[in-house]
N, C-alpha and C. Protein backbone atom coordinates (compact mmCIF):
# COMPACT_ATOMS: atom_id res chain seq x y z
N MET A 1 0.82 -1.24 -0.04
CA MET A 1 -0.05 -0.02 0.00
C MET A 1 0.93 1.19 0.00
N SER A 2 1.96 1.28 0.74
CA SER A 2 2.87 2.49 0.83
C SER A 2 3.43 2.73 -0.58
N VAL A 3 3.69 1.68 -1.35
CA VAL A 3 4.29 1.81 -2.66
C VAL A 3 3.29 2.60 -3.54
N GLY A 4 1.98 2.24 -3.46
CA GLY A 4 1.02 2.97 -4.27
C GLY A 4 0.96 4.44 -3.85
N VAL A 5 1.11 4.65 -2.61
CA VAL A 5 0.99 6.08 -2.17
C VAL A 5 2.16 6.93 -2.75
N PHE A 6 3.40 6.39 -2.65
CA PHE A 6 4.51 7.02 -3.23
C PHE A 6 4.41 7.19 -4.78
N VAL A 7 3.86 6.16 -5.47
CA VAL A 7 3.61 6.38 -6.89
C VAL A 7 2.55 7.50 -7.21
N ALA A 8 1.56 7.51 -6.33
CA ALA A 8 0.50 8.54 -6.52
C ALA A 8 1.07 9.91 -6.25
N VAL A 9 1.95 10.03 -5.25
CA VAL A 9 2.60 11.35 -4.95
C VAL A 9 3.42 11.82 -6.09
N ILE A 10 4.21 10.93 -6.66
CA ILE A 10 5.11 11.18 -7.81
C ILE A 10 4.24 11.67 -9.00
N ILE A 11 3.21 10.92 -9.28
CA ILE A 11 2.35 11.22 -10.47
C ILE A 11 1.74 12.55 -10.25
N LEU A 12 1.13 12.82 -9.00
CA LEU A 12 0.43 14.14 -8.83
C LEU A 12 1.53 15.25 -8.81
N ARG A 13 2.67 14.98 -8.41
CA ARG A 13 3.74 16.09 -8.49
C ARG A 13 4.11 16.35 -9.92
N ILE A 14 4.21 15.33 -10.72
CA ILE A 14 4.45 15.55 -12.14
C ILE A 14 3.33 16.24 -12.82
N TYR A 15 2.08 15.97 -12.43
CA TYR A 15 0.91 16.49 -13.03
C TYR A 15 0.80 18.06 -12.77
N SER A 16 1.16 18.46 -11.57
CA SER A 16 1.05 19.84 -11.20
C SER A 16 2.17 20.07 -10.17
N LYS A 17 2.92 21.24 -10.50
CA LYS A 17 4.00 21.55 -9.64
C LYS A 17 3.53 22.21 -8.28
N SER A 18 2.19 22.62 -8.25
CA SER A 18 1.74 23.18 -7.06
C SER A 18 1.43 22.15 -5.95
N ASN A 19 1.53 20.87 -6.38
CA ASN A 19 1.27 19.87 -5.39
C ASN A 19 2.57 19.55 -4.60
N THR A 20 2.72 20.30 -3.49
CA THR A 20 3.97 20.22 -2.61
C THR A 20 3.63 19.31 -1.48
N PRO A 21 4.67 18.77 -0.71
CA PRO A 21 4.36 17.97 0.37
C PRO A 21 3.39 18.53 1.44
N SER A 22 3.41 19.84 1.60
CA SER A 22 2.45 20.46 2.57
C SER A 22 1.04 20.32 2.08
N VAL A 23 0.75 20.35 0.81
CA VAL A 23 -0.56 20.13 0.23
C VAL A 23 -1.01 18.75 0.58
N PHE A 24 -0.17 17.72 0.43
CA PHE A 24 -0.49 16.39 0.66
C PHE A 24 -0.80 16.18 2.18
N LEU A 25 -0.01 16.81 3.00
CA LEU A 25 -0.23 16.73 4.47
C LEU A 25 -1.55 17.35 4.87
N LYS A 26 -1.92 18.51 4.27
CA LYS A 26 -3.09 19.18 4.67
C LYS A 26 -4.33 18.35 4.19
N ASP A 27 -4.21 17.77 2.95
CA ASP A 27 -5.27 16.91 2.42
C ASP A 27 -5.48 15.69 3.28
N CYS A 28 -4.38 15.01 3.68
CA CYS A 28 -4.46 13.90 4.51
C CYS A 28 -5.08 14.22 5.83
N ARG A 29 -4.72 15.26 6.42
CA ARG A 29 -5.29 15.74 7.66
C ARG A 29 -6.81 15.97 7.53
N ARG A 30 -7.19 16.65 6.47
CA ARG A 30 -8.54 16.96 6.22
C ARG A 30 -9.39 15.59 6.05
N MET A 31 -8.83 14.66 5.28
CA MET A 31 -9.51 13.42 5.05
C MET A 31 -9.61 12.62 6.37
N MET A 32 -8.58 12.59 7.22
CA MET A 32 -8.63 11.83 8.41
C MET A 32 -9.55 12.51 9.43
N ASP A 33 -9.79 13.85 9.38
CA ASP A 33 -10.78 14.48 10.16
C ASP A 33 -12.17 13.99 9.83
N VAL A 34 -12.35 13.77 8.53
CA VAL A 34 -13.74 13.38 8.07
C VAL A 34 -13.86 11.89 8.26
N VAL A 35 -12.92 11.07 8.04
CA VAL A 35 -13.10 9.59 8.15
C VAL A 35 -12.50 9.05 9.47
N GLY A 36 -11.94 9.86 10.29
CA GLY A 36 -11.23 9.44 11.45
C GLY A 36 -11.97 8.42 12.33
N PRO A 37 -13.17 8.75 12.87
CA PRO A 37 -13.84 7.83 13.73
C PRO A 37 -14.19 6.44 13.07
N LEU A 38 -14.48 6.51 11.73
CA LEU A 38 -14.73 5.32 10.99
C LEU A 38 -13.62 4.44 10.75
N SER A 39 -12.36 5.18 10.73
CA SER A 39 -11.18 4.27 10.53
C SER A 39 -10.88 3.35 11.70
N MET A 40 -11.42 3.72 12.89
CA MET A 40 -11.18 2.90 14.06
C MET A 40 -12.18 1.76 14.18
N LEU A 41 -13.25 1.76 13.40
CA LEU A 41 -14.33 0.78 13.61
C LEU A 41 -13.81 -0.64 13.29
N PRO A 42 -12.98 -0.91 12.28
CA PRO A 42 -12.54 -2.34 12.05
C PRO A 42 -11.74 -2.77 13.29
N MET A 43 -10.86 -1.98 13.83
CA MET A 43 -10.09 -2.38 14.97
C MET A 43 -10.98 -2.66 16.19
N LEU A 44 -12.04 -1.80 16.40
CA LEU A 44 -12.97 -1.98 17.46
C LEU A 44 -13.73 -3.31 17.31
N LEU A 45 -14.21 -3.59 16.10
CA LEU A 45 -14.88 -4.80 15.90
C LEU A 45 -13.96 -6.02 16.04
N ALA A 46 -12.74 -5.94 15.61
CA ALA A 46 -11.83 -7.07 15.82
C ALA A 46 -11.56 -7.28 17.25
N ALA A 47 -11.46 -6.23 18.04
CA ALA A 47 -11.25 -6.40 19.49
C ALA A 47 -12.44 -6.92 20.14
N LEU A 48 -13.68 -6.69 19.70
CA LEU A 48 -14.83 -7.11 20.36
C LEU A 48 -15.29 -8.46 19.83
N GLY A 49 -14.72 -8.92 18.66
CA GLY A 49 -15.10 -10.19 18.11
C GLY A 49 -15.13 -11.45 19.04
N PRO A 50 -14.00 -11.64 19.70
CA PRO A 50 -14.00 -12.83 20.59
C PRO A 50 -14.98 -12.71 21.67
N TYR A 51 -15.21 -11.53 22.18
CA TYR A 51 -16.16 -11.32 23.33
C TYR A 51 -17.64 -11.64 22.81
N LEU A 52 -17.92 -11.12 21.67
CA LEU A 52 -19.28 -11.33 21.12
C LEU A 52 -19.42 -12.76 20.80
N GLN A 53 -18.40 -13.42 20.30
CA GLN A 53 -18.59 -14.83 19.90
C GLN A 53 -18.65 -15.68 21.18
N LEU A 54 -17.92 -15.31 22.19
CA LEU A 54 -18.13 -15.97 23.53
C LEU A 54 -19.52 -15.81 23.99
N GLN A 55 -20.12 -14.66 23.99
CA GLN A 55 -21.39 -14.38 24.46
C GLN A 55 -22.44 -15.25 23.72
N ALA A 56 -22.29 -15.37 22.37
CA ALA A 56 -23.23 -16.15 21.54
C ALA A 56 -23.12 -17.70 21.94
N THR A 57 -21.88 -18.18 22.09
CA THR A 57 -21.69 -19.52 22.57
C THR A 57 -22.35 -19.70 23.87
N LEU A 58 -22.16 -18.88 24.88
CA LEU A 58 -22.76 -19.02 26.17
C LEU A 58 -24.33 -19.04 26.09
N GLN A 59 -24.84 -18.19 25.18
CA GLN A 59 -26.27 -18.13 25.07
C GLN A 59 -26.84 -19.45 24.47
N LEU A 60 -26.05 -19.97 23.46
CA LEU A 60 -26.49 -21.30 22.88
C LEU A 60 -26.42 -22.36 23.90
N GLU A 61 -25.40 -22.40 24.72
CA GLU A 61 -25.27 -23.42 25.74
C GLU A 61 -26.39 -23.29 26.73
N LEU A 62 -26.70 -22.11 27.12
CA LEU A 62 -27.88 -21.90 28.04
C LEU A 62 -29.17 -22.45 27.44
N LEU A 63 -29.34 -22.11 26.13
CA LEU A 63 -30.56 -22.51 25.48
C LEU A 63 -30.62 -24.09 25.46
N PHE A 64 -29.54 -24.76 25.14
CA PHE A 64 -29.55 -26.25 25.19
C PHE A 64 -29.74 -26.78 26.54
N MET A 65 -29.18 -26.13 27.64
CA MET A 65 -29.45 -26.58 28.89
C MET A 65 -30.93 -26.43 29.30
N ARG A 66 -31.56 -25.35 28.95
CA ARG A 66 -32.99 -25.21 29.23
C ARG A 66 -33.78 -26.23 28.47
N LEU A 67 -33.53 -26.52 27.22
CA LEU A 67 -34.19 -27.52 26.46
C LEU A 67 -34.00 -28.93 27.06
N ALA A 68 -32.82 -29.21 27.49
CA ALA A 68 -32.52 -30.52 28.15
C ALA A 68 -33.23 -30.58 29.42
N TRP A 69 -33.26 -29.52 30.23
CA TRP A 69 -33.96 -29.61 31.48
C TRP A 69 -35.51 -29.83 31.28
N ARG A 70 -36.03 -29.26 30.34
CA ARG A 70 -37.45 -29.31 30.03
C ARG A 70 -37.84 -30.62 29.44
N TYR A 71 -37.15 -31.24 28.55
CA TYR A 71 -37.59 -32.36 27.86
C TYR A 71 -36.93 -33.70 28.29
N LEU A 72 -35.88 -33.70 29.03
CA LEU A 72 -35.26 -34.93 29.52
C LEU A 72 -35.95 -35.37 30.77
N PRO A 73 -36.01 -36.68 31.07
CA PRO A 73 -36.70 -37.10 32.27
C PRO A 73 -35.82 -36.91 33.50
């Protein structure tokens, strides 16, 4: 991914000489301000994944225990 960024910077620099590193930094900052909270969502879901999976497993076990208690002699 970083190679693609460097290639894009070089192409944009060739396309227009007004594209200086400060322009790229300002645009990156502006984009992260807009997308910032959403960029943390995959990490948050990855961190919560095992917990949510454990909760689902425990709920299924509880359901099976209730069914067994009700229908087994």
